[in-house]
Amino acid sequence: MSFSFDNPFLAVSAFFIIPLAVFIFSRLGNPFVASIPLGAPGGVPFKTSQFGGIVRLLKFFEIAGIFLLFFSAAGPSIKKTETVLLNRGADIIFILDVSPSMAAIDMDGGNRFNAGKKMLIDFAYRRPSDSIGLVAVGEDAVLMLPPTSDRHALELRLEQLRIGELGDGTALGMGISVAAHHLEKSNAKRKVAVLITDGENNAGAVHPETAAGFLRDTGASFWVIAVGSAGEVPIDYVDPYTRIRSSGIFDSRYDAESLRRLSASGGGTFIAAHSADTFASAFSQLDENEITVQRSRVISRMSSLAFQFLVCSVVILASVKFIRRYLLGAML
């Protein structure tokens, strides 16, 4: 966004003409008017009006109104540019594990869940032409957001999501099935499902490898990112229903081989992210491999502000005139 004048010389000249006019009429006075002193020599002088401060303030607004009048005549305008996407990108659905183990703190001082949310948002803003969807997985799976280009809606859904709100289990098969169902209806040229989990399947009526087969049949790419380190790690979270805080040491482990088989069943890619750096690297690899050709055009729009400046000037000058004539005139 940029601001400019059609006639910048007229706008600049206001800063010379108006101060010069004010100096001539305030310091030199009117050359056609003779001043005659009143009162006897040595007598009591007339007192300054108690409204002197108000009068000076009115003069200031009067000068401001004249400046706005000059600016209006100079043709002020504002230029807005926006990028319009000319083609549709990929439909990408993230399947995010929200089981309590995602509260384990082994991502550079933060927990796995918050690290996943941040990575997801950063990835979404790097790819504005893609539609991003979100599925949450616990004992059941819920579609939180269908694929959309609305990044604010995605941030809002992630912000509303809480660890443990879908129970203690991990129904990976259900989560993959929900993603496959929505990607099956998509007419995007590229479709992607990304599973982010730190556990193994222990809930749900659909076997994960069966669900991965459904996903492969939709023509979607499949990524499995196993997040978290193995061994004893600190954990801290508040149950969203009981409001009971749980903290302590968690024995972190997941069956990497079963997750690797799961990704193979969907014809996908398995990545182990044991730290914050490898987690970020996994998203970089996803970004590099799921390339979409983005065509865009920059459109510029000019909007004139001359009328708005003129209205402001007229309102200010008229208000000053009214106050001087009717309000101050009645009090003096």
Protein backbone atom coordinates (compact mmCIF):
# COMPACT_ATOMS: atom_id res chain seq x y z
CA MET A 1 0.00 0.00 0.00
CA SER A 2 1.37 3.44 -0.96
CA PHE A 3 0.15 7.05 -0.78
CA SER A 4 0.76 9.68 -3.47
CA PHE A 5 -0.51 12.93 -5.01
CA ASP A 6 -1.48 13.56 -8.63
CA ASN A 7 0.01 17.06 -8.27
CA PRO A 8 2.73 16.78 -5.60
CA PHE A 9 3.98 20.33 -6.36
CA LEU A 10 0.69 21.77 -5.10
CA ALA A 11 0.89 19.67 -1.91
CA VAL A 12 4.48 20.77 -1.23
CA SER A 13 3.69 24.42 -1.96
CA ALA A 14 1.16 24.40 0.88
CA PHE A 15 4.04 24.17 3.35
CA PHE A 16 5.44 27.46 2.00
CA ILE A 17 2.35 29.46 1.04
CA ILE A 18 0.29 28.89 4.19
CA PRO A 19 3.06 29.66 6.75
CA LEU A 20 4.01 32.75 4.73
CA ALA A 21 0.42 33.99 4.71
CA VAL A 22 0.09 33.36 8.45
CA PHE A 23 3.31 35.30 9.11
CA ILE A 24 2.22 38.29 6.98
CA PHE A 25 -1.22 38.65 8.56
CA SER A 26 -0.20 37.89 12.14
CA ARG A 27 3.15 39.72 12.36
CA LEU A 28 2.91 42.56 9.88
CA GLY A 29 -0.80 43.12 10.28
CA ASN A 30 -3.17 44.41 7.66
CA PRO A 31 -1.47 47.33 5.79
CA PHE A 32 -4.84 48.92 4.99
CA VAL A 33 -5.95 49.23 8.63
CA ALA A 34 -4.75 52.01 10.97
CA SER A 35 -4.32 51.20 14.66
CA ILE A 36 -5.51 53.89 17.15
CA PRO A 37 -4.62 53.34 20.84
CA LEU A 38 -7.47 53.81 23.33
CA GLY A 39 -7.21 55.04 26.90
CA ALA A 40 -5.27 57.77 28.69
CA PRO A 41 -1.49 57.56 28.82
CA GLY A 42 -0.41 55.73 31.96
CA GLY A 43 -3.92 54.37 32.53
CA VAL A 44 -4.96 50.78 33.26
CA PRO A 45 -4.48 48.66 30.14
CA PHE A 46 -7.21 46.48 28.74
CA LYS A 47 -7.11 42.89 30.02
CA THR A 48 -6.43 40.00 27.63
CA SER A 49 -9.48 37.93 26.89
CA GLN A 50 -9.85 34.78 29.01
CA PHE A 51 -10.55 32.87 25.79
CA GLY A 52 -7.10 33.50 24.34
CA GLY A 53 -6.15 29.82 24.51
CA ILE A 54 -9.33 28.80 22.71
CA VAL A 55 -8.74 31.40 20.03
CA ARG A 56 -5.23 30.10 19.41
CA LEU A 57 -6.56 26.54 19.21
CA LEU A 58 -9.16 27.64 16.68
CA LYS A 59 -6.42 29.29 14.60
CA PHE A 60 -4.52 26.02 14.61
CA PHE A 61 -7.56 24.10 13.34
CA GLU A 62 -8.22 26.79 10.76
CA ILE A 63 -4.68 26.38 9.39
CA ALA A 64 -5.09 22.58 9.42
CA GLY A 65 -8.32 22.95 7.43
CA ILE A 66 -6.55 25.09 4.82
CA PHE A 67 -3.77 22.49 4.56
CA LEU A 68 -6.38 19.80 3.91
CA LEU A 69 -7.92 22.03 1.23
CA PHE A 70 -4.57 22.25 -0.56
CA PHE A 71 -4.05 18.49 -0.24
CA SER A 72 -7.50 17.83 -1.68
CA ALA A 73 -6.69 20.01 -4.69
CA ALA A 74 -3.40 18.13 -5.13
CA GLY A 75 -5.30 14.89 -5.83
CA PRO A 76 -4.35 12.48 -3.02
CA SER A 77 -4.71 8.79 -3.79
CA ILE A 78 -3.84 5.47 -2.25
CA LYS A 79 -2.46 2.53 -4.22
CA LYS A 80 -3.21 -1.02 -3.08
CA THR A 81 -1.58 -4.08 -4.57
CA GLU A 82 -2.72 -7.64 -4.05
CA THR A 83 -1.57 -10.99 -5.34
CA VAL A 84 -4.26 -13.07 -7.00
CA LEU A 85 -3.62 -16.82 -7.32
CA LEU A 86 -4.51 -18.10 -10.77
CA ASN A 87 -4.42 -21.83 -10.10
CA ARG A 88 -5.41 -24.19 -7.34
CA GLY A 89 -2.73 -25.81 -5.23
CA ALA A 90 -2.78 -29.08 -3.33
CA ASP A 91 -5.37 -30.30 -0.83
CA ILE A 92 -3.40 -31.25 2.29
CA ILE A 93 -4.97 -32.78 5.39
CA PHE A 94 -2.93 -33.01 8.59
CA ILE A 95 -3.88 -35.81 10.98
CA LEU A 96 -2.70 -34.60 14.38
CA ASP A 97 -2.43 -36.85 17.42
CA VAL A 98 -3.95 -35.15 20.50
CA SER A 99 -3.48 -37.99 22.99
CA PRO A 100 -1.94 -37.12 26.40
CA SER A 101 1.50 -38.44 25.41
CA MET A 102 1.81 -35.48 23.01
CA ALA A 103 2.32 -33.35 26.14
CA ALA A 104 5.79 -34.89 26.58
CA ILE A 105 8.39 -32.12 26.78
CA ASP A 106 11.26 -33.05 24.47
CA MET A 107 11.10 -30.43 21.70
CA ASP A 108 13.69 -27.87 22.85
CA GLY A 109 11.84 -27.19 26.09
CA GLY A 110 8.38 -27.39 24.54
CA ASN A 111 5.96 -30.27 24.17
CA ARG A 112 5.31 -32.26 21.01
CA PHE A 113 1.79 -30.96 20.53
CA ASN A 114 2.70 -27.26 20.53
CA ALA A 115 5.73 -27.92 18.32
CA GLY A 116 3.45 -29.70 15.84
CA LYS A 117 0.98 -26.82 15.80
CA LYS A 118 3.72 -24.27 15.16
CA MET A 119 5.26 -26.34 12.36
CA LEU A 120 1.85 -26.78 10.79
CA ILE A 121 1.07 -23.05 10.81
CA ASP A 122 4.50 -22.12 9.42
CA PHE A 123 4.09 -24.70 6.66
CA ALA A 124 0.61 -23.39 5.78
CA TYR A 125 1.80 -19.79 5.41
CA ARG A 126 4.69 -20.87 3.20
CA ARG A 127 2.17 -22.39 0.78
CA PRO A 128 -0.64 -19.85 0.24
CA SER A 129 -2.09 -21.59 -2.82
CA ASP A 130 -2.69 -24.88 -0.97
CA SER A 131 -5.85 -25.77 0.94
CA ILE A 132 -5.06 -27.11 4.42
CA GLY A 133 -7.37 -29.35 6.43
CA LEU A 134 -7.10 -30.74 9.97
CA VAL A 135 -8.15 -34.02 11.59
CA ALA A 136 -7.67 -34.56 15.34
CA VAL A 137 -7.01 -38.09 16.60
CA GLY A 138 -7.57 -39.52 20.07
CA GLU A 139 -9.81 -42.47 20.97
CA ASP A 140 -11.82 -41.26 18.01
CA ALA A 141 -11.11 -38.98 15.04
CA VAL A 142 -12.76 -35.66 14.27
CA LEU A 143 -12.54 -33.44 11.20
CA MET A 144 -11.66 -30.08 12.74
CA LEU A 145 -11.37 -28.22 9.44
CA PRO A 146 -11.94 -29.29 5.82
CA PRO A 147 -9.25 -28.22 3.33
CA THR A 148 -9.34 -24.41 3.11
CA SER A 149 -7.10 -21.51 2.14
CA ASP A 150 -8.33 -19.55 5.18
CA ARG A 151 -5.26 -19.47 7.40
CA HIS A 152 -7.05 -17.58 10.16
CA ALA A 153 -9.60 -20.42 10.44
CA LEU A 154 -6.76 -22.94 10.64
CA GLU A 155 -5.02 -21.00 13.42
CA LEU A 156 -8.31 -20.70 15.31
CA ARG A 157 -9.00 -24.45 15.13
CA LEU A 158 -5.49 -25.28 16.29
CA GLU A 159 -5.80 -22.79 19.14
CA GLN A 160 -9.07 -24.40 20.26
CA LEU A 161 -7.61 -27.92 20.17
CA ARG A 162 -6.61 -29.37 23.55
CA ILE A 163 -4.46 -32.35 24.50
CA GLY A 164 -6.62 -35.21 25.79
CA GLU A 165 -9.96 -33.81 24.63
CA LEU A 166 -10.58 -36.94 22.53
CA GLY A 167 -9.62 -39.37 25.29
CA ASP A 168 -6.47 -41.28 26.18
CA GLY A 169 -6.29 -43.62 23.19
CA THR A 170 -4.92 -43.21 19.67
CA ALA A 171 -7.19 -44.33 16.82
CA LEU A 172 -4.78 -43.86 13.92
CA GLY A 173 -6.94 -45.90 11.54
CA MET A 174 -9.96 -43.70 12.22
CA GLY A 175 -7.94 -40.53 11.60
CA ILE A 176 -6.55 -41.80 8.30
CA SER A 177 -10.04 -42.93 7.24
CA VAL A 178 -11.52 -39.48 7.89
CA ALA A 179 -8.75 -37.88 5.82
CA ALA A 180 -9.21 -40.44 3.02
CA HIS A 181 -12.96 -39.83 2.93
CA HIS A 182 -12.53 -36.08 2.39
CA LEU A 183 -9.62 -36.37 -0.04
CA GLU A 184 -11.59 -38.85 -2.11
CA LYS A 185 -14.09 -36.08 -2.91
CA SER A 186 -11.38 -33.56 -3.74
CA ASN A 187 -10.78 -32.55 -7.36
CA ALA A 188 -7.37 -31.03 -6.62
CA LYS A 189 -4.54 -32.21 -8.89
CA ARG A 190 -2.41 -33.05 -5.85
CA LYS A 191 -3.74 -34.53 -2.61
CA VAL A 192 -1.69 -35.15 0.53
CA ALA A 193 -2.32 -36.64 3.98
CA VAL A 194 0.20 -36.10 6.79
CA LEU A 195 -0.01 -38.10 10.02
CA ILE A 196 1.77 -36.60 13.04
CA THR A 197 1.86 -38.99 15.98
CA ASP A 198 4.04 -40.23 18.82
CA GLY A 199 2.18 -43.44 19.54
CA GLU A 200 0.85 -46.68 18.21
CA ASN A 201 -2.71 -47.53 17.26
CA ASN A 202 -4.65 -48.72 20.33
CA ALA A 203 -8.23 -47.63 19.65
CA GLY A 204 -10.80 -47.37 16.89
CA ALA A 205 -12.65 -49.85 14.68
CA VAL A 206 -10.46 -49.45 11.57
CA HIS A 207 -6.98 -50.96 11.29
CA PRO A 208 -4.43 -48.28 10.30
CA GLU A 209 -2.99 -50.27 7.40
CA THR A 210 -6.47 -50.85 5.99
CA ALA A 211 -7.17 -47.13 6.23
CA ALA A 212 -3.84 -46.39 4.55
CA GLY A 213 -4.95 -48.61 1.66
CA PHE A 214 -8.13 -46.54 1.33
CA LEU A 215 -6.02 -43.41 1.28
CA ARG A 216 -3.72 -44.78 -1.42
CA ASP A 217 -6.76 -45.52 -3.60
CA THR A 218 -7.69 -41.82 -3.56
CA GLY A 219 -4.38 -40.99 -5.25
CA ALA A 220 -3.15 -39.02 -2.24
CA SER A 221 0.45 -38.90 -1.05
CA PHE A 222 0.91 -40.18 2.51
CA TRP A 223 3.44 -38.99 5.07
CA VAL A 224 3.94 -40.40 8.56
CA ILE A 225 5.96 -38.23 10.94
CA ALA A 226 6.77 -39.99 14.22
CA VAL A 227 7.54 -37.24 16.71
CA GLY A 228 9.33 -37.56 20.04
CA SER A 229 12.37 -39.14 21.65
CA ALA A 230 12.58 -42.54 23.30
CA GLY A 231 13.15 -43.05 27.01
CA GLU A 232 12.08 -41.10 30.07
CA VAL A 233 10.91 -37.56 29.32
CA PRO A 234 9.04 -35.01 31.46
CA ILE A 235 5.33 -34.56 30.82
CA ASP A 236 2.88 -31.91 31.97
CA TYR A 237 -0.73 -31.31 30.91
CA VAL A 238 -4.17 -30.43 32.25
CA ASP A 239 -7.09 -32.73 31.50
CA PRO A 240 -9.63 -30.59 29.58
CA TYR A 241 -12.60 -32.23 31.33
CA THR A 242 -11.55 -32.85 34.94
CA ARG A 243 -9.11 -29.88 35.04
CA ILE A 244 -6.69 -32.17 36.90
CA ARG A 245 -3.03 -31.43 36.22
CA SER A 246 -0.75 -34.38 35.47
CA SER A 247 3.01 -33.98 35.56
CA GLY A 248 5.97 -36.25 36.06
CA ILE A 249 8.15 -38.56 34.01
CA PHE A 250 6.78 -40.39 30.98
CA ASP A 251 8.31 -43.55 29.48
CA SER A 252 8.25 -42.50 25.84
CA ARG A 253 8.30 -45.19 23.20
CA TYR A 254 6.54 -46.04 20.00
CA ASP A 255 6.79 -48.88 17.54
CA ALA A 256 8.73 -47.26 14.70
CA GLU A 257 8.52 -50.44 12.63
CA SER A 258 4.71 -50.51 12.73
CA LEU A 259 4.56 -46.84 11.69
CA ARG A 260 7.02 -47.57 8.88
CA ARG A 261 4.76 -50.43 7.68
CA LEU A 262 1.80 -48.10 7.95
CA SER A 263 3.41 -45.54 5.64
CA ALA A 264 4.34 -48.33 3.20
CA SER A 265 0.73 -49.55 3.16
CA GLY A 266 -0.30 -46.14 1.93
CA GLY A 267 2.60 -45.90 -0.51
CA GLY A 268 3.98 -43.10 1.58
CA THR A 269 7.05 -41.83 3.43
CA PHE A 270 8.06 -42.40 7.06
CA ILE A 271 10.16 -39.85 8.97
CA ALA A 272 11.32 -40.15 12.58
CA ALA A 273 11.54 -36.74 14.28
CA HIS A 274 13.34 -37.26 17.58
CA SER A 275 14.05 -33.57 18.24
CA ALA A 276 12.85 -30.11 17.31
CA ASP A 277 15.48 -29.87 14.57
CA THR A 278 14.54 -33.18 12.95
CA PHE A 279 10.86 -32.25 13.30
CA ALA A 280 11.51 -29.02 11.37
CA SER A 281 13.57 -31.01 8.85
CA ALA A 282 10.62 -33.36 8.31
CA PHE A 283 8.38 -30.42 7.37
CA SER A 284 11.08 -29.05 5.07
CA GLN A 285 11.25 -32.41 3.33
CA LEU A 286 7.47 -32.43 3.01
CA ASP A 287 7.53 -28.93 1.54
CA GLU A 288 10.25 -29.80 -0.98
CA ASN A 289 8.66 -33.03 -2.17
CA GLU A 290 5.05 -31.91 -2.42
CA ILE A 291 5.75 -29.13 -4.91
CA THR A 292 2.85 -27.36 -6.58
CA VAL A 293 3.26 -24.94 -9.47
CA GLN A 294 1.87 -21.62 -8.34
CA ARG A 295 0.77 -19.03 -10.89
CA SER A 296 -0.19 -15.59 -9.64
CA ARG A 297 -0.80 -12.06 -10.81
CA VAL A 298 -0.28 -8.74 -9.03
CA ILE A 299 -3.21 -6.33 -9.33
CA SER A 300 -2.93 -2.64 -8.42
CA ARG A 301 -5.91 -0.50 -7.51
CA MET A 302 -5.89 3.30 -7.14
CA SER A 303 -8.42 4.98 -4.85
CA SER A 304 -8.82 8.77 -4.78
CA LEU A 305 -8.96 10.46 -1.37
CA ALA A 306 -9.65 13.98 -2.69
CA PHE A 307 -13.30 13.95 -1.59
CA GLN A 308 -12.46 12.72 1.92
CA PHE A 309 -9.82 15.47 2.32
CA LEU A 310 -12.28 18.08 1.03
CA VAL A 311 -15.02 16.97 3.43
CA CYS A 312 -12.61 17.08 6.39
CA SER A 313 -11.45 20.55 5.39
CA VAL A 314 -14.99 21.92 5.02
CA VAL A 315 -16.09 20.41 8.34
CA ILE A 316 -13.09 21.88 10.21
CA LEU A 317 -13.37 25.37 8.67
CA ALA A 318 -17.15 25.48 9.13
CA SER A 319 -16.82 24.36 12.76
CA VAL A 320 -14.20 27.05 13.47
CA LYS A 321 -16.43 29.69 11.87
CA PHE A 322 -19.46 28.55 13.89
CA ILE A 323 -17.56 28.54 17.21
CA ARG A 324 -16.11 32.00 16.61
CA ARG A 325 -19.33 33.66 15.50
CA TYR A 326 -21.99 32.02 17.64
CA LEU A 327 -20.31 30.56 20.72
CA LEU A 328 -17.40 32.92 21.45
CA GLY A 329 -19.37 35.90 20.08
CA ALA A 330 -22.15 35.23 22.60
CA MET A 331 -19.73 34.94 25.54
CA LEU A 332 -17.68 38.04 24.83
